[in-house]
PDB file of all heavy atoms in Angstrom:
ATOM      1  N   VAL A   1       6.791 -10.674  -8.404  1.00  0.00           N
ATOM      2  CA  VAL A   1       6.896 -10.646  -6.951  1.00  0.00           C
ATOM      3  C   VAL A   1       6.571  -9.229  -6.501  1.00  0.00           C
ATOM      4  O   VAL A   1       7.137  -8.260  -7.013  1.00  0.00           O
ATOM      5  CB  VAL A   1       8.309 -11.052  -6.478  1.00  0.00           C
ATOM      6  CG1 VAL A   1       8.441 -10.871  -4.963  1.00  0.00           C
ATOM      7  CG2 VAL A   1       8.610 -12.488  -6.878  1.00  0.00           C
ATOM      8  N   VAL A   2       5.638  -9.112  -5.555  1.00  0.00           N
ATOM      9  CA  VAL A   2       5.310  -7.811  -4.987  1.00  0.00           C
ATOM     10  C   VAL A   2       6.297  -7.542  -3.849  1.00  0.00           C
ATOM     11  O   VAL A   2       6.706  -8.457  -3.143  1.00  0.00           O
ATOM     12  CB  VAL A   2       3.845  -7.756  -4.485  1.00  0.00           C
ATOM     13  CG1 VAL A   2       3.606  -8.683  -3.315  1.00  0.00           C
ATOM     14  CG2 VAL A   2       3.431  -6.340  -4.148  1.00  0.00           C
ATOM     15  N   TRP A   3       6.702  -6.288  -3.708  1.00  0.00           N
ATOM     16  CA  TRP A   3       7.626  -5.913  -2.646  1.00  0.00           C
ATOM     17  C   TRP A   3       7.195  -4.571  -2.070  1.00  0.00           C
ATOM     18  O   TRP A   3       6.472  -3.805  -2.712  1.00  0.00           O
ATOM     19  CB  TRP A   3       9.069  -5.836  -3.160  1.00  0.00           C
ATOM     20  CG  TRP A   3       9.281  -4.792  -4.230  1.00  0.00           C
ATOM     21  CD1 TRP A   3       9.098  -4.957  -5.593  1.00  0.00           C
ATOM     22  CD2 TRP A   3       9.665  -3.437  -4.039  1.00  0.00           C
ATOM     23  NE1 TRP A   3       9.356  -3.774  -6.240  1.00  0.00           N
ATOM     24  CE2 TRP A   3       9.711  -2.822  -5.310  1.00  0.00           C
ATOM     25  CE3 TRP A   3       9.983  -2.673  -2.919  1.00  0.00           C
ATOM     26  CZ2 TRP A   3      10.066  -1.492  -5.493  1.00  0.00           C
ATOM     27  CZ3 TRP A   3      10.335  -1.343  -3.101  1.00  0.00           C
ATOM     28  CH2 TRP A   3      10.370  -0.773  -4.383  1.00  0.00           C
ATOM     29  N   GLY A   4       7.613  -4.315  -0.859  1.00  0.00           N
ATOM     30  CA  GLY A   4       7.269  -3.048  -0.246  1.00  0.00           C
ATOM     31  C   GLY A   4       8.130  -2.741   0.961  1.00  0.00           C
ATOM     32  O   GLY A   4       8.626  -3.653   1.629  1.00  0.00           O
ATOM     33  N   VAL A   5       8.313  -1.468   1.202  1.00  0.00           N
ATOM     34  CA  VAL A   5       9.028  -0.967   2.364  1.00  0.00           C
ATOM     35  C   VAL A   5       8.167   0.155   2.937  1.00  0.00           C
ATOM     36  O   VAL A   5       7.783   1.075   2.214  1.00  0.00           O
ATOM     37  CB  VAL A   5      10.425  -0.423   1.996  1.00  0.00           C
ATOM     38  CG1 VAL A   5      11.155   0.063   3.229  1.00  0.00           C
ATOM     39  CG2 VAL A   5      11.243  -1.470   1.252  1.00  0.00           C
ATOM     40  N   LEU A   6       7.856   0.062   4.232  1.00  0.00           N
ATOM     41  CA  LEU A   6       6.981   1.039   4.866  1.00  0.00           C
ATOM     42  C   LEU A   6       7.738   1.863   5.911  1.00  0.00           C
ATOM     43  O   LEU A   6       8.591   1.336   6.621  1.00  0.00           O
ATOM     44  CB  LEU A   6       5.803   0.340   5.542  1.00  0.00           C
ATOM     45  CG  LEU A   6       4.960  -0.569   4.652  1.00  0.00           C
ATOM     46  CD1 LEU A   6       3.870  -1.234   5.461  1.00  0.00           C
ATOM     47  CD2 LEU A   6       4.383   0.185   3.480  1.00  0.00           C
ATOM     48  N   SER A   7       7.366   3.118   6.013  1.00  0.00           N
ATOM     49  CA  SER A   7       7.946   4.017   7.005  1.00  0.00           C
ATOM     50  C   SER A   7       7.316   3.771   8.367  1.00  0.00           C
ATOM     51  O   SER A   7       6.144   3.386   8.453  1.00  0.00           O
ATOM     52  CB  SER A   7       7.689   5.463   6.580  1.00  0.00           C
ATOM     53  OG  SER A   7       7.932   6.350   7.644  1.00  0.00           O
ATOM     54  N   ASP A   8       8.054   4.040   9.416  1.00  0.00           N
ATOM     55  CA  ASP A   8       7.477   3.890  10.749  1.00  0.00           C
ATOM     56  C   ASP A   8       6.510   5.023  11.085  1.00  0.00           C
ATOM     57  O   ASP A   8       5.810   4.975  12.078  1.00  0.00           O
ATOM     58  CB  ASP A   8       8.564   3.762  11.824  1.00  0.00           C
ATOM     59  CG  ASP A   8       9.354   5.031  12.054  1.00  0.00           C
ATOM     60  OD1 ASP A   8       9.183   5.993  11.290  1.00  0.00           O
ATOM     61  OD2 ASP A   8      10.155   5.041  12.992  1.00  0.00           O
ATOM     62  N   SER A   9       6.432   6.031  10.224  1.00  0.00           N
ATOM     63  CA  SER A   9       5.491   7.128  10.443  1.00  0.00           C
ATOM     64  C   SER A   9       4.269   7.028   9.531  1.00  0.00           C
ATOM     65  O   SER A   9       3.561   8.006   9.324  1.00  0.00           O
ATOM     66  CB  SER A   9       6.193   8.472  10.236  1.00  0.00           C
ATOM     67  OG  SER A   9       6.698   8.568   8.919  1.00  0.00           O
ATOM     68  N   ILE A  10       3.981   5.839   9.027  1.00  0.00           N
ATOM     69  CA  ILE A  10       2.887   5.639   8.081  1.00  0.00           C
ATOM     70  C   ILE A  10       1.529   5.916   8.729  1.00  0.00           C
ATOM     71  O   ILE A  10       0.648   6.468   8.104  1.00  0.00           O
ATOM     72  CB  ILE A  10       2.977   4.244   7.448  1.00  0.00           C
ATOM     73  CG1 ILE A  10       2.229   4.221   6.136  1.00  0.00           C
ATOM     74  CG2 ILE A  10       2.493   3.163   8.388  1.00  0.00           C
ATOM     75  CD1 ILE A  10       2.588   3.066   5.255  1.00  0.00           C
ATOM     76  N   GLY A  11       1.352   5.524   9.978  1.00  0.00           N
ATOM     77  CA  GLY A  11       0.151   5.839  10.765  1.00  0.00           C
ATOM     78  C   GLY A  11      -1.156   5.628  10.033  1.00  0.00           C
ATOM     79  O   GLY A  11      -1.384   4.617   9.381  1.00  0.00           O
ATOM     80  N   ALA A  12      -2.033   6.620  10.158  1.00  0.00           N
ATOM     81  CA  ALA A  12      -3.384   6.530   9.616  1.00  0.00           C
ATOM     82  C   ALA A  12      -3.420   6.501   8.094  1.00  0.00           C
ATOM     83  O   ALA A  12      -4.431   6.131   7.509  1.00  0.00           O
ATOM     84  CB  ALA A  12      -4.223   7.699  10.132  1.00  0.00           C
ATOM     85  N   THR A  13      -2.329   6.861   7.436  1.00  0.00           N
ATOM     86  CA  THR A  13      -2.312   6.832   5.962  1.00  0.00           C
ATOM     87  C   THR A  13      -2.266   5.400   5.439  1.00  0.00           C
ATOM     88  O   THR A  13      -2.429   5.187   4.244  1.00  0.00           O
ATOM     89  CB  THR A  13      -1.118   7.620   5.400  1.00  0.00           C
ATOM     90  OG1 THR A  13       0.088   7.037   5.870  1.00  0.00           O
ATOM     91  CG2 THR A  13      -1.190   9.074   5.811  1.00  0.00           C
ATOM     92  N   MET A  14      -2.073   4.433   6.318  1.00  0.00           N
ATOM     93  CA  MET A  14      -2.011   3.029   5.883  1.00  0.00           C
ATOM     94  C   MET A  14      -3.286   2.619   5.157  1.00  0.00           C
ATOM     95  O   MET A  14      -3.233   1.856   4.200  1.00  0.00           O
ATOM     96  CB  MET A  14      -1.750   2.125   7.090  1.00  0.00           C
ATOM     97  CG  MET A  14      -1.530   0.687   6.726  1.00  0.00           C
ATOM     98  SD  MET A  14      -0.035   0.510   5.720  1.00  0.00           S
ATOM     99  CE  MET A  14      -0.239  -1.163   5.163  1.00  0.00           C
ATOM    100  N   THR A  15      -4.430   3.123   5.579  1.00  0.00           N
ATOM    101  CA  THR A  15      -5.691   2.777   4.918  1.00  0.00           C
ATOM    102  C   THR A  15      -5.676   3.229   3.463  1.00  0.00           C
ATOM    103  O   THR A  15      -6.049   2.467   2.569  1.00  0.00           O
ATOM    104  CB  THR A  15      -6.888   3.404   5.661  1.00  0.00           C
ATOM    105  OG1 THR A  15      -6.880   2.913   6.995  1.00  0.00           O
ATOM    106  CG2 THR A  15      -8.202   3.053   4.995  1.00  0.00           C
ATOM    107  N   LEU A  16      -5.220   4.449   3.218  1.00  0.00           N
ATOM    108  CA  LEU A  16      -5.142   4.953   1.838  1.00  0.00           C
ATOM    109  C   LEU A  16      -4.144   4.138   1.024  1.00  0.00           C
ATOM    110  O   LEU A  16      -4.402   3.809  -0.144  1.00  0.00           O
ATOM    111  CB  LEU A  16      -4.731   6.427   1.837  1.00  0.00           C
ATOM    112  CG  LEU A  16      -5.688   7.400   2.503  1.00  0.00           C
ATOM    113  CD1 LEU A  16      -5.050   8.774   2.635  1.00  0.00           C
ATOM    114  CD2 LEU A  16      -6.980   7.477   1.721  1.00  0.00           C
ATOM    115  N   ILE A  17      -3.026   3.821   1.621  1.00  0.00           N
ATOM    116  CA  ILE A  17      -1.997   3.056   0.921  1.00  0.00           C
ATOM    117  C   ILE A  17      -2.511   1.651   0.619  1.00  0.00           C
ATOM    118  O   ILE A  17      -2.309   1.130  -0.481  1.00  0.00           O
ATOM    119  CB  ILE A  17      -0.693   3.054   1.738  1.00  0.00           C
ATOM    120  CG1 ILE A  17      -0.100   4.473   1.717  1.00  0.00           C
ATOM    121  CG2 ILE A  17       0.300   2.025   1.211  1.00  0.00           C
ATOM    122  CD1 ILE A  17       0.993   4.722   2.706  1.00  0.00           C
ATOM    123  N   HIS A  18      -3.192   1.051   1.561  1.00  0.00           N
ATOM    124  CA  HIS A  18      -3.772  -0.287   1.345  1.00  0.00           C
ATOM    125  C   HIS A  18      -4.721  -0.273   0.140  1.00  0.00           C
ATOM    126  O   HIS A  18      -4.643  -1.147  -0.723  1.00  0.00           O
ATOM    127  CB  HIS A  18      -4.512  -0.749   2.606  1.00  0.00           C
ATOM    128  CG  HIS A  18      -5.271  -2.009   2.425  1.00  0.00           C
ATOM    129  ND1 HIS A  18      -4.662  -3.244   2.438  1.00  0.00           N
ATOM    130  CD2 HIS A  18      -6.589  -2.244   2.187  1.00  0.00           C
ATOM    131  CE1 HIS A  18      -5.577  -4.174   2.231  1.00  0.00           C
ATOM    132  NE2 HIS A  18      -6.745  -3.588   2.076  1.00  0.00           N
ATOM    133  N   ARG A  19      -5.580   0.704   0.087  1.00  0.00           N
ATOM    134  CA  ARG A  19      -6.537   0.803  -1.039  1.00  0.00           C
ATOM    135  C   ARG A  19      -5.818   0.957  -2.374  1.00  0.00           C
ATOM    136  O   ARG A  19      -6.209   0.362  -3.379  1.00  0.00           O
ATOM    137  CB  ARG A  19      -7.496   1.957  -0.815  1.00  0.00           C
ATOM    138  CG  ARG A  19      -8.484   1.693   0.283  1.00  0.00           C
ATOM    139  CD  ARG A  19      -9.426   2.859   0.465  1.00  0.00           C
ATOM    140  NE  ARG A  19     -10.281   2.628   1.612  1.00  0.00           N
ATOM    141  CZ  ARG A  19     -10.726   3.585   2.408  1.00  0.00           C
ATOM    142  NH1 ARG A  19     -10.415   4.849   2.165  1.00  0.00           N
ATOM    143  NH2 ARG A  19     -11.491   3.298   3.430  1.00  0.00           N
ATOM    144  N   GLU A  20      -4.763   1.774  -2.390  1.00  0.00           N
ATOM    145  CA  GLU A  20      -4.007   1.988  -3.624  1.00  0.00           C
ATOM    146  C   GLU A  20      -3.295   0.706  -4.060  1.00  0.00           C
ATOM    147  O   GLU A  20      -3.289   0.349  -5.244  1.00  0.00           O
ATOM    148  CB  GLU A  20      -3.002   3.126  -3.446  1.00  0.00           C
ATOM    149  CG  GLU A  20      -2.212   3.461  -4.691  1.00  0.00           C
ATOM    150  CD  GLU A  20      -3.041   4.055  -5.813  1.00  0.00           C
ATOM    151  OE1 GLU A  20      -4.173   4.526  -5.577  1.00  0.00           O
ATOM    152  OE2 GLU A  20      -2.534   4.054  -6.955  1.00  0.00           O
ATOM    153  N   VAL A  21      -2.718  -0.009  -3.121  1.00  0.00           N
ATOM    154  CA  VAL A  21      -2.036  -1.270  -3.448  1.00  0.00           C
ATOM    155  C   VAL A  21      -3.047  -2.288  -3.978  1.00  0.00           C
ATOM    156  O   VAL A  21      -2.797  -2.947  -4.989  1.00  0.00           O
ATOM    157  CB  VAL A  21      -1.264  -1.819  -2.223  1.00  0.00           C
ATOM    158  CG1 VAL A  21      -0.754  -3.229  -2.484  1.00  0.00           C
ATOM    159  CG2 VAL A  21      -0.116  -0.887  -1.857  1.00  0.00           C
ATOM    160  N   ARG A  22      -4.205  -2.402  -3.330  1.00  0.00           N
ATOM    161  CA  ARG A  22      -5.256  -3.323  -3.819  1.00  0.00           C
ATOM    162  C   ARG A  22      -5.651  -2.980  -5.257  1.00  0.00           C
ATOM    163  O   ARG A  22      -5.817  -3.862  -6.096  1.00  0.00           O
ATOM    164  CB  ARG A  22      -6.482  -3.282  -2.917  1.00  0.00           C
ATOM    165  CG  ARG A  22      -6.371  -4.169  -1.700  1.00  0.00           C
ATOM    166  CD  ARG A  22      -7.717  -4.295  -1.005  1.00  0.00           C
ATOM    167  NE  ARG A  22      -8.600  -5.187  -1.706  1.00  0.00           N
ATOM    168  CZ  ARG A  22      -8.726  -6.484  -1.455  1.00  0.00           C
ATOM    169  NH1 ARG A  22      -8.002  -7.049  -0.532  1.00  0.00           N
ATOM    170  NH2 ARG A  22      -9.561  -7.224  -2.135  1.00  0.00           N
ATOM    171  N   ARG A  23      -5.806  -1.686  -5.513  1.00  0.00           N
ATOM    172  CA  ARG A  23      -6.208  -1.248  -6.862  1.00  0.00           C
ATOM    173  C   ARG A  23      -5.147  -1.621  -7.889  1.00  0.00           C
ATOM    174  O   ARG A  23      -5.450  -2.150  -8.952  1.00  0.00           O
ATOM    175  CB  ARG A  23      -6.446   0.272  -6.864  1.00  0.00           C
ATOM    176  CG  ARG A  23      -7.002   0.785  -8.192  1.00  0.00           C
ATOM    177  CD  ARG A  23      -7.099   2.295  -8.211  1.00  0.00           C
ATOM    178  NE  ARG A  23      -5.803   2.935  -8.300  1.00  0.00           N
ATOM    179  CZ  ARG A  23      -5.053   2.981  -9.398  1.00  0.00           C
ATOM    180  NH1 ARG A  23      -5.444   2.398 -10.507  1.00  0.00           N
ATOM    181  NH2 ARG A  23      -3.888   3.616  -9.387  1.00  0.00           N
ATOM    182  N   ARG A  24      -3.886  -1.382  -7.556  1.00  0.00           N
ATOM    183  CA  ARG A  24      -2.803  -1.683  -8.500  1.00  0.00           C
ATOM    184  C   ARG A  24      -2.641  -3.184  -8.712  1.00  0.00           C
ATOM    185  O   ARG A  24      -2.346  -3.630  -9.816  1.00  0.00           O
ATOM    186  CB  ARG A  24      -1.510  -1.028  -8.055  1.00  0.00           C
ATOM    187  CG  ARG A  24      -1.582   0.493  -8.233  1.00  0.00           C
ATOM    188  CD  ARG A  24      -0.317   1.188  -7.847  1.00  0.00           C
ATOM    189  NE  ARG A  24      -0.487   2.621  -7.911  1.00  0.00           N
ATOM    190  CZ  ARG A  24      -0.097   3.386  -8.925  1.00  0.00           C
ATOM    191  NH1 ARG A  24       0.487   2.838  -9.974  1.00  0.00           N
ATOM    192  NH2 ARG A  24      -0.277   4.685  -8.888  1.00  0.00           N
ATOM    193  N   LEU A  25      -2.841  -3.978  -7.665  1.00  0.00           N
ATOM    194  CA  LEU A  25      -2.776  -5.432  -7.820  1.00  0.00           C
ATOM    195  C   LEU A  25      -3.919  -5.935  -8.702  1.00  0.00           C
ATOM    196  O   LEU A  25      -3.731  -6.847  -9.508  1.00  0.00           O
ATOM    197  CB  LEU A  25      -2.830  -6.123  -6.460  1.00  0.00           C
ATOM    198  CG  LEU A  25      -1.588  -5.990  -5.585  1.00  0.00           C
ATOM    199  CD1 LEU A  25      -1.857  -6.546  -4.196  1.00  0.00           C
ATOM    200  CD2 LEU A  25      -0.385  -6.668  -6.219  1.00  0.00           C
ATOM    201  N   ALA A  26      -5.084  -5.334  -8.568  1.00  0.00           N
ATOM    202  CA  ALA A  26      -6.256  -5.762  -9.339  1.00  0.00           C
ATOM    203  C   ALA A  26      -6.073  -5.541 -10.833  1.00  0.00           C
ATOM    204  O   ALA A  26      -6.617  -6.309 -11.640  1.00  0.00           O
ATOM    205  CB  ALA A  26      -7.505  -5.034  -8.851  1.00  0.00           C
ATOM    206  N   VAL A  27      -5.323  -4.529 -11.225  1.00  0.00           N
ATOM    207  CA  VAL A  27      -5.150  -4.240 -12.653  1.00  0.00           C
ATOM    208  C   VAL A  27      -3.823  -4.752 -13.211  1.00  0.00           C
ATOM    209  O   VAL A  27      -3.558  -4.600 -14.404  1.00  0.00           O
ATOM    210  CB  VAL A  27      -5.298  -2.720 -12.951  1.00  0.00           C
ATOM    211  CG1 VAL A  27      -6.675  -2.233 -12.546  1.00  0.00           C
ATOM    212  CG2 VAL A  27      -4.205  -1.918 -12.267  1.00  0.00           C
ATOM    213  N   ALA A  28      -3.012  -5.361 -12.355  1.00  0.00           N
ATOM    214  CA  ALA A  28      -1.722  -5.888 -12.823  1.00  0.00           C
ATOM    215  C   ALA A  28      -1.956  -6.997 -13.849  1.00  0.00           C
ATOM    216  O   ALA A  28      -2.882  -7.791 -13.722  1.00  0.00           O
ATOM    217  CB  ALA A  28      -0.910  -6.412 -11.643  1.00  0.00           C
TER     218      ALA A  28
END
């Protein structure tokens, strides 16, 4: 099960975080 908690100040860094999560899911 994937889980996550995001800060309300994530802002523009969401794009970088999205890419990192996609990468980690791809190699899981």
